Amino acid sequence: MGLAASQARWIALAARKSNVEYEGQQINQARTALANQSADLWNQLYDMAVPTAPNKNDFTSVQYTFESGDDAHAITDIKDANYTDVDGITYNSYITYTSEITEYKGIRDTRNNPQVIRTASGYMVGTKTLQCLDAVDQDEGSQVSPWNAYRASLDQIAEDWPNTQLAKDWLDYKNTGNAAALSNIYYWTDSNNQTNFTSAVGTSNDSLEECFNDTTLALHTYYADYQETNKSLSKYAIVEYDPNGRATSLQMEGSSIVYSLNTETVSDETAYNDAMNEYNYEQQVYEKKVQDINAKTEQIQTEDRTLELRLKALDTEQNSLQTEMDAVHKIISKNIESTFKTFEG
């Protein structure tokens, strides 16, 4: 191989070696980027909170009850207290309990397909003929007169259903003396001996006139009656405890009666099931995220192995190029040496 040819070959080898080194640098940078992506995925996995199944004990509590006469009361809360009344009695607790009481309440009855009929004198609902309140004798002196009973019912209905047309008409009459407001109130007595009241016209699509014009509407009627309900009461009390910390008796403020407390373990199954459903959902979300991260990590590892194999191939090629370059360099050196010897001779 001549000097010029050797030099051309050495230049070509050097250029190829430079390209191989550049490609190797690019691969190393790509592998570094993949390593950073893998580290980010690991940090995401490390930062993820593993869902914890709910403990049923957290949804279980001790329910205290006591009996007063024929009534059973459930204690819903006991707070520590330090209160001394005017008689010098010190109470260590403030308790909240439920008590079943009877209250006079306004009640709404929704009547679907009410079959409202308009008559010459007013309205009918089904087979019941309605009476207008403005026709009731308000001057009757008896305490058991219909007017007094109707007035008590309407007072309670207006208190419990203040936004209804019925309440607005009644309060208009009661507060301003507008007797014309009574002409919009109709009533009848049903089979349960309840006096039902409703409005002839109104703005809420549930009055007699609206239901007469549109048979698909529901008619709202109202009556007042005594209803049993659980009411929450709170009082200071002296609560005694056993060595295990369970309340055993109580004496409420203003009373000398000491009630024995019954204990019962109560589990809130609904809340526990809701918590378990939430846990199952969070577990599915967690597992899906883990699967996604593992899949992305596997893809990164596959790409990294491919780059690693390519880098090894480049390393082998670079070694071969270096070996050939060394050989060509020796040939060039010999050619130069031979040329100088020729001129020296």
Protein backbone atom coordinates (compact mmCIF):
# COMPACT_ATOMS: atom_id res chain seq x y z
CA MET A 1 0.00 0.00 0.00
CA GLY A 2 1.44 3.31 -1.05
CA LEU A 3 1.88 6.31 1.18
CA ALA A 4 -1.07 8.21 -0.28
CA ALA A 5 -3.34 5.18 -0.12
CA SER A 6 -2.29 4.48 3.47
CA GLN A 7 -2.95 8.06 4.47
CA ALA A 8 -6.39 7.99 2.84
CA ARG A 9 -7.19 4.72 4.61
CA TRP A 10 -6.03 6.13 7.96
CA ILE A 11 -8.20 9.23 7.50
CA ALA A 12 -11.24 7.06 6.66
CA LEU A 13 -10.59 4.91 9.74
CA ALA A 14 -10.19 8.00 11.94
CA ALA A 15 -13.45 9.45 10.64
CA ARG A 16 -15.27 6.17 11.26
CA LYS A 17 -13.73 5.94 14.74
CA SER A 18 -14.92 9.48 15.49
CA ASN A 19 -18.44 8.58 14.37
CA VAL A 20 -18.40 5.48 16.56
CA GLU A 21 -17.25 7.50 19.56
CA TYR A 22 -19.99 10.11 18.90
CA GLU A 23 -22.65 7.41 18.59
CA GLY A 24 -21.38 5.88 21.83
CA GLN A 25 -21.72 9.25 23.57
CA GLN A 26 -25.29 9.56 22.27
CA ILE A 27 -26.11 6.08 23.55
CA ASN A 28 -24.66 6.89 26.97
CA GLN A 29 -26.78 10.05 27.13
CA ALA A 30 -29.87 8.07 26.12
CA ARG A 31 -29.13 5.45 28.81
CA THR A 32 -28.72 8.26 31.37
CA ALA A 33 -32.11 9.66 30.38
CA LEU A 34 -33.63 6.18 30.72
CA ALA A 35 -32.02 5.83 34.15
CA ASN A 36 -33.59 9.14 35.21
CA GLN A 37 -37.00 7.99 33.97
CA SER A 38 -36.59 4.74 35.89
CA ALA A 39 -35.66 6.67 39.04
CA ASP A 40 -38.72 8.90 38.64
CA LEU A 41 -40.94 5.83 38.34
CA TRP A 42 -39.35 4.32 41.43
CA ASN A 43 -39.95 7.55 43.37
CA GLN A 44 -43.60 7.51 42.27
CA LEU A 45 -43.90 3.95 43.49
CA TYR A 46 -42.14 4.78 46.75
CA ASP A 47 -44.38 7.80 47.40
CA MET A 48 -47.62 5.92 46.78
CA ALA A 49 -49.59 5.20 49.96
CA VAL A 50 -50.58 1.58 50.28
CA PRO A 51 -54.33 1.36 51.05
CA THR A 52 -55.15 0.04 54.49
CA ALA A 53 -58.20 -2.12 55.05
CA PRO A 54 -60.64 -0.65 57.61
CA ASN A 55 -60.57 -2.11 61.09
CA LYS A 56 -64.01 -3.21 62.17
CA ASN A 57 -63.17 -2.21 65.75
CA ASP A 58 -63.08 1.39 64.55
CA PHE A 59 -66.74 1.07 63.65
CA THR A 60 -67.76 -0.54 66.91
CA SER A 61 -68.76 1.41 69.99
CA VAL A 62 -70.33 0.86 73.36
CA GLN A 63 -73.94 2.04 73.44
CA TYR A 64 -75.30 3.10 76.83
CA THR A 65 -79.02 3.06 77.52
CA PHE A 66 -81.17 3.68 80.57
CA GLU A 67 -84.84 3.23 81.29
CA SER A 68 -87.18 5.84 82.70
CA GLY A 69 -90.59 4.35 83.32
CA ASP A 70 -91.60 2.57 80.14
CA ASP A 71 -89.25 4.62 77.98
CA ALA A 72 -85.75 3.57 76.96
CA HIS A 73 -83.21 6.30 76.27
CA ALA A 74 -79.98 5.93 74.32
CA ILE A 75 -76.97 8.02 75.33
CA THR A 76 -75.26 9.38 72.24
CA ASP A 77 -72.45 11.36 73.89
CA ILE A 78 -70.72 11.73 77.27
CA LYS A 79 -68.36 14.66 77.82
CA ASP A 80 -66.27 15.33 80.90
CA ALA A 81 -67.51 18.30 82.93
CA ASN A 82 -67.00 20.03 86.24
CA TYR A 83 -70.21 21.87 87.06
CA THR A 84 -71.64 22.71 90.48
CA ASP A 85 -75.28 23.72 90.72
CA VAL A 86 -76.90 26.12 93.20
CA ASP A 87 -77.42 23.26 95.66
CA GLY A 88 -73.69 22.53 95.73
CA ILE A 89 -73.95 19.29 93.77
CA THR A 90 -71.02 18.76 91.41
CA TYR A 91 -71.58 16.97 88.13
CA ASN A 92 -68.69 15.27 86.35
CA SER A 93 -70.31 14.80 82.94
CA TYR A 94 -72.45 16.43 80.30
CA ILE A 95 -74.55 13.82 78.52
CA THR A 96 -76.64 13.85 75.38
CA TYR A 97 -79.39 11.29 75.03
CA THR A 98 -82.45 10.60 72.92
CA SER A 99 -85.95 10.70 74.30
CA GLU A 100 -89.12 9.70 72.48
CA ILE A 101 -91.59 12.55 72.71
CA THR A 102 -94.93 13.40 71.16
CA GLU A 103 -95.06 16.63 69.18
CA TYR A 104 -97.84 18.41 67.34
CA LYS A 105 -96.55 18.68 63.76
CA GLY A 106 -97.70 19.85 60.37
CA ILE A 107 -97.64 16.96 57.92
CA ARG A 108 -97.63 17.03 54.13
CA ASP A 109 -99.38 14.34 52.12
CA THR A 110 -98.55 13.92 48.44
CA ARG A 111 -101.46 12.66 46.35
CA ASN A 112 -100.59 11.34 42.91
CA ASN A 113 -103.43 11.12 40.38
CA PRO A 114 -105.59 13.19 42.74
CA GLN A 115 -108.62 13.36 40.35
CA VAL A 116 -109.38 16.99 41.09
CA ILE A 117 -112.82 18.04 39.84
CA ARG A 118 -113.98 21.63 39.62
CA THR A 119 -117.64 22.09 40.65
CA ALA A 120 -120.04 25.00 40.69
CA SER A 121 -119.38 25.53 44.41
CA GLY A 122 -115.68 24.66 44.51
CA TYR A 123 -113.72 21.44 44.11
CA MET A 124 -113.84 17.70 44.68
CA VAL A 125 -110.91 15.35 45.22
CA GLY A 126 -112.08 11.93 44.20
CA THR A 127 -115.40 11.49 46.00
CA LYS A 128 -114.66 14.11 48.67
CA THR A 129 -116.33 17.51 48.38
CA LEU A 130 -114.07 20.30 49.61
CA GLN A 131 -115.19 23.23 51.73
CA CYS A 132 -113.77 26.74 51.51
CA LEU A 133 -112.33 28.07 54.75
CA ASP A 134 -113.95 31.48 54.32
CA ALA A 135 -117.36 29.84 54.91
CA VAL A 136 -116.47 28.65 58.44
CA ASP A 137 -118.13 30.52 61.32
CA GLN A 138 -115.30 32.31 63.13
CA ASP A 139 -117.47 33.81 65.87
CA GLU A 140 -118.54 30.55 67.51
CA GLY A 141 -117.51 30.81 71.15
CA SER A 142 -116.99 27.11 71.95
CA GLN A 143 -113.42 26.03 72.59
CA VAL A 144 -114.09 22.87 70.55
CA SER A 145 -115.53 24.75 67.59
CA PRO A 146 -114.24 23.72 64.13
CA TRP A 147 -112.70 27.17 63.61
CA ASN A 148 -110.47 26.85 66.68
CA ALA A 149 -109.36 23.39 65.60
CA TYR A 150 -108.68 24.58 62.05
CA ARG A 151 -106.78 27.59 63.32
CA ALA A 152 -104.52 25.41 65.51
CA SER A 153 -103.83 23.09 62.57
CA LEU A 154 -103.04 25.92 60.17
CA ASP A 155 -100.77 27.64 62.71
CA GLN A 156 -98.71 24.44 62.98
CA ILE A 157 -98.72 23.82 59.23
CA ALA A 158 -97.53 27.37 58.61
CA GLU A 159 -94.72 26.88 61.15
CA ASP A 160 -93.51 23.60 59.67
CA TRP A 161 -94.16 24.41 55.97
CA PRO A 162 -93.60 28.18 55.79
CA ASN A 163 -92.83 28.32 52.05
CA THR A 164 -96.09 26.80 50.88
CA GLN A 165 -98.95 28.74 49.33
CA LEU A 166 -101.17 27.45 52.13
CA ALA A 167 -98.90 29.00 54.77
CA LYS A 168 -98.68 32.29 52.86
CA ASP A 169 -102.47 32.54 52.60
CA TRP A 170 -103.02 31.70 56.25
CA LEU A 171 -100.35 34.12 57.49
CA ASP A 172 -101.71 36.80 55.19
CA TYR A 173 -105.07 36.46 56.90
CA LYS A 174 -103.63 36.05 60.39
CA ASN A 175 -101.09 38.89 60.26
CA THR A 176 -102.95 41.44 58.12
CA GLY A 177 -106.57 40.48 58.60
CA ASN A 178 -107.00 39.93 54.86
CA ALA A 179 -110.18 37.82 54.90
CA ALA A 180 -109.95 37.33 51.12
CA ALA A 181 -106.92 35.06 51.68
CA LEU A 182 -109.23 32.47 53.27
CA SER A 183 -111.04 32.03 49.93
CA ASN A 184 -107.93 30.31 48.55
CA ILE A 185 -107.88 27.68 51.33
CA TYR A 186 -109.99 24.51 50.99
CA TYR A 187 -110.35 21.59 53.37
CA TRP A 188 -112.01 18.22 53.84
CA THR A 189 -111.96 15.36 56.36
CA ASP A 190 -110.51 12.07 55.14
CA SER A 191 -111.25 8.49 56.20
CA ASN A 192 -108.70 8.79 59.05
CA ASN A 193 -110.65 11.73 60.47
CA GLN A 194 -107.83 14.09 59.55
CA THR A 195 -108.78 17.56 58.29
CA ASN A 196 -106.73 18.18 55.16
CA PHE A 197 -105.99 21.66 53.84
CA THR A 198 -104.75 22.78 50.44
CA SER A 199 -104.67 25.85 48.20
CA ALA A 200 -106.99 26.52 45.29
CA VAL A 201 -104.32 28.29 43.22
CA GLY A 202 -100.60 28.74 43.77
CA THR A 203 -97.24 29.12 42.08
CA SER A 204 -95.77 25.68 42.78
CA ASN A 205 -97.86 23.46 40.44
CA ASP A 206 -99.35 21.47 43.30
CA SER A 207 -102.62 23.29 43.98
CA LEU A 208 -106.19 22.31 43.15
CA GLU A 209 -106.48 24.45 40.03
CA GLU A 210 -103.13 23.31 38.59
CA CYS A 211 -103.98 19.64 39.28
CA PHE A 212 -107.39 20.12 37.66
CA ASN A 213 -105.76 21.51 34.50
CA ASP A 214 -102.95 18.91 34.44
CA THR A 215 -103.90 15.46 35.75
CA THR A 216 -100.23 14.38 35.81
CA LEU A 217 -99.41 16.77 38.66
CA ALA A 218 -99.34 15.68 42.31
CA LEU A 219 -101.57 17.45 44.82
CA HIS A 220 -99.99 18.44 48.14
CA THR A 221 -102.35 18.52 51.10
CA TYR A 222 -101.53 19.31 54.72
CA TYR A 223 -102.85 18.36 58.15
CA ALA A 224 -101.63 18.60 61.73
CA ASP A 225 -101.38 15.71 64.17
CA TYR A 226 -99.43 14.43 67.14
CA GLN A 227 -96.34 12.47 66.08
CA GLU A 228 -93.92 10.41 68.12
CA THR A 229 -90.33 11.39 67.45
CA ASN A 230 -86.91 10.96 68.99
CA LYS A 231 -85.54 14.21 70.32
CA SER A 232 -81.99 14.87 71.45
CA LEU A 233 -81.63 16.28 74.97
CA SER A 234 -78.53 17.32 76.93
CA LYS A 235 -78.01 17.64 80.69
CA TYR A 236 -75.30 17.67 83.32
CA ALA A 237 -75.03 14.38 85.16
CA ILE A 238 -73.06 12.38 87.69
CA VAL A 239 -71.72 9.33 85.87
CA GLU A 240 -70.15 6.43 87.77
CA TYR A 241 -67.65 4.08 86.13
CA ASP A 242 -66.40 0.55 86.85
CA PRO A 243 -62.66 -0.33 87.03
CA ASN A 244 -62.69 -1.09 83.29
CA GLY A 245 -63.80 2.44 82.46
CA ARG A 246 -67.36 1.58 81.52
CA ALA A 247 -70.16 3.81 82.74
CA THR A 248 -72.47 1.99 85.15
CA SER A 249 -74.95 4.60 86.40
CA LEU A 250 -75.99 8.21 86.11
CA GLN A 251 -77.87 10.83 88.06
CA MET A 252 -79.06 13.81 86.04
CA GLU A 253 -79.10 17.42 87.14
CA GLY A 254 -82.21 18.34 89.11
CA SER A 255 -83.10 14.72 89.90
CA SER A 256 -82.30 12.38 92.79
CA ILE A 257 -82.97 9.27 90.69
CA VAL A 258 -79.95 7.14 89.90
CA TYR A 259 -80.37 5.21 86.65
CA SER A 260 -78.52 1.99 85.95
CA LEU A 261 -76.83 2.00 82.60
CA ASN A 262 -77.12 -0.92 80.22
CA THR A 263 -74.23 -1.49 77.84
CA GLU A 264 -74.38 -2.91 74.36
CA THR A 265 -71.72 -3.21 71.70
CA VAL A 266 -73.02 -1.62 68.53
CA SER A 267 -71.42 -1.93 65.09
CA ASP A 268 -72.08 0.58 62.37
CA GLU A 269 -72.31 -1.93 59.53
CA THR A 270 -73.28 0.68 56.96
CA ALA A 271 -70.26 2.87 57.70
CA TYR A 272 -67.98 -0.20 57.79
CA ASN A 273 -69.28 -1.45 54.43
CA ASP A 274 -68.85 2.02 52.95
CA ALA A 275 -65.27 2.12 54.24
CA MET A 276 -64.59 -1.37 52.86
CA ASN A 277 -65.98 -0.37 49.46
CA GLU A 278 -63.76 2.71 49.50
CA TYR A 279 -60.77 0.52 50.44
CA ASN A 280 -61.49 -1.94 47.60
CA TYR A 281 -61.69 0.95 45.15
CA GLU A 282 -58.43 2.49 46.42
CA GLN A 283 -56.77 -0.94 46.27
CA GLN A 284 -57.79 -1.36 42.63
CA VAL A 285 -56.49 2.12 41.80
CA TYR A 286 -53.22 1.36 43.64
CA GLU A 287 -52.72 -1.96 41.86
CA LYS A 288 -53.44 -0.36 38.50
CA LYS A 289 -50.82 2.34 39.15
CA VAL A 290 -48.29 -0.30 40.21
CA GLN A 291 -49.00 -2.30 37.05
CA ASP A 292 -48.58 0.83 34.91
CA ILE A 293 -45.29 1.72 36.61
CA ASN A 294 -44.01 -1.86 36.25
CA ALA A 295 -44.97 -1.88 32.57
CA LYS A 296 -43.17 1.44 31.95
CA THR A 297 -40.14 0.19 33.91
CA GLU A 298 -40.01 -3.02 31.84
CA GLN A 299 -40.18 -0.95 28.65
CA ILE A 300 -37.30 1.23 29.87
CA GLN A 301 -35.26 -1.85 30.77
CA THR A 302 -35.87 -3.32 27.31
CA GLU A 303 -34.75 -0.08 25.64
CA ASP A 304 -31.70 0.06 27.92
CA ARG A 305 -30.70 -3.55 27.08
CA THR A 306 -30.99 -2.73 23.37
CA LEU A 307 -28.77 0.33 23.82
CA GLU A 308 -26.32 -1.67 25.92
CA LEU A 309 -25.96 -4.29 23.17
CA ARG A 310 -25.43 -1.54 20.60
CA LEU A 311 -22.82 0.08 22.85
CA LYS A 312 -20.95 -3.22 23.16
CA ALA A 313 -21.03 -3.60 19.38
CA LEU A 314 -19.63 -0.07 19.01
CA ASP A 315 -16.94 -0.85 21.56
CA THR A 316 -15.92 -3.92 19.57
CA GLU A 317 -15.93 -1.92 16.35
CA GLN A 318 -13.88 0.84 17.96
CA ASN A 319 -11.26 -1.68 19.12
CA SER A 320 -11.10 -3.10 15.60
CA LEU A 321 -10.76 0.36 14.10
CA GLN A 322 -8.03 1.24 16.57
CA THR A 323 -6.14 -1.96 15.72
CA GLU A 324 -6.40 -1.28 11.99
CA MET A 325 -5.41 2.34 12.47
CA ASP A 326 -2.31 1.23 14.39
CA ALA A 327 -1.42 -1.11 11.54
CA VAL A 328 -1.92 1.58 8.89
CA HIS A 329 0.07 4.01 11.02
CA LYS A 330 3.00 1.56 10.99
CA ILE A 331 2.76 1.25 7.23
CA ILE A 332 2.75 5.04 6.85
CA SER A 333 5.74 5.29 9.18
CA LYS A 334 7.67 2.70 7.16
CA ASN A 335 6.80 4.43 3.90
CA ILE A 336 8.04 7.75 5.25
CA GLU A 337 11.20 6.16 6.60
CA SER A 338 11.84 4.43 3.27
CA THR A 339 11.30 7.67 1.38
CA PHE A 340 13.81 9.59 3.51
CA LYS A 341 16.39 6.82 3.13
CA THR A 342 16.04 7.07 -0.63
CA PHE A 343 16.81 10.77 -0.59
CA GLU A 344 19.73 10.24 1.80
CA GLY A 345 21.39 7.75 -0.50
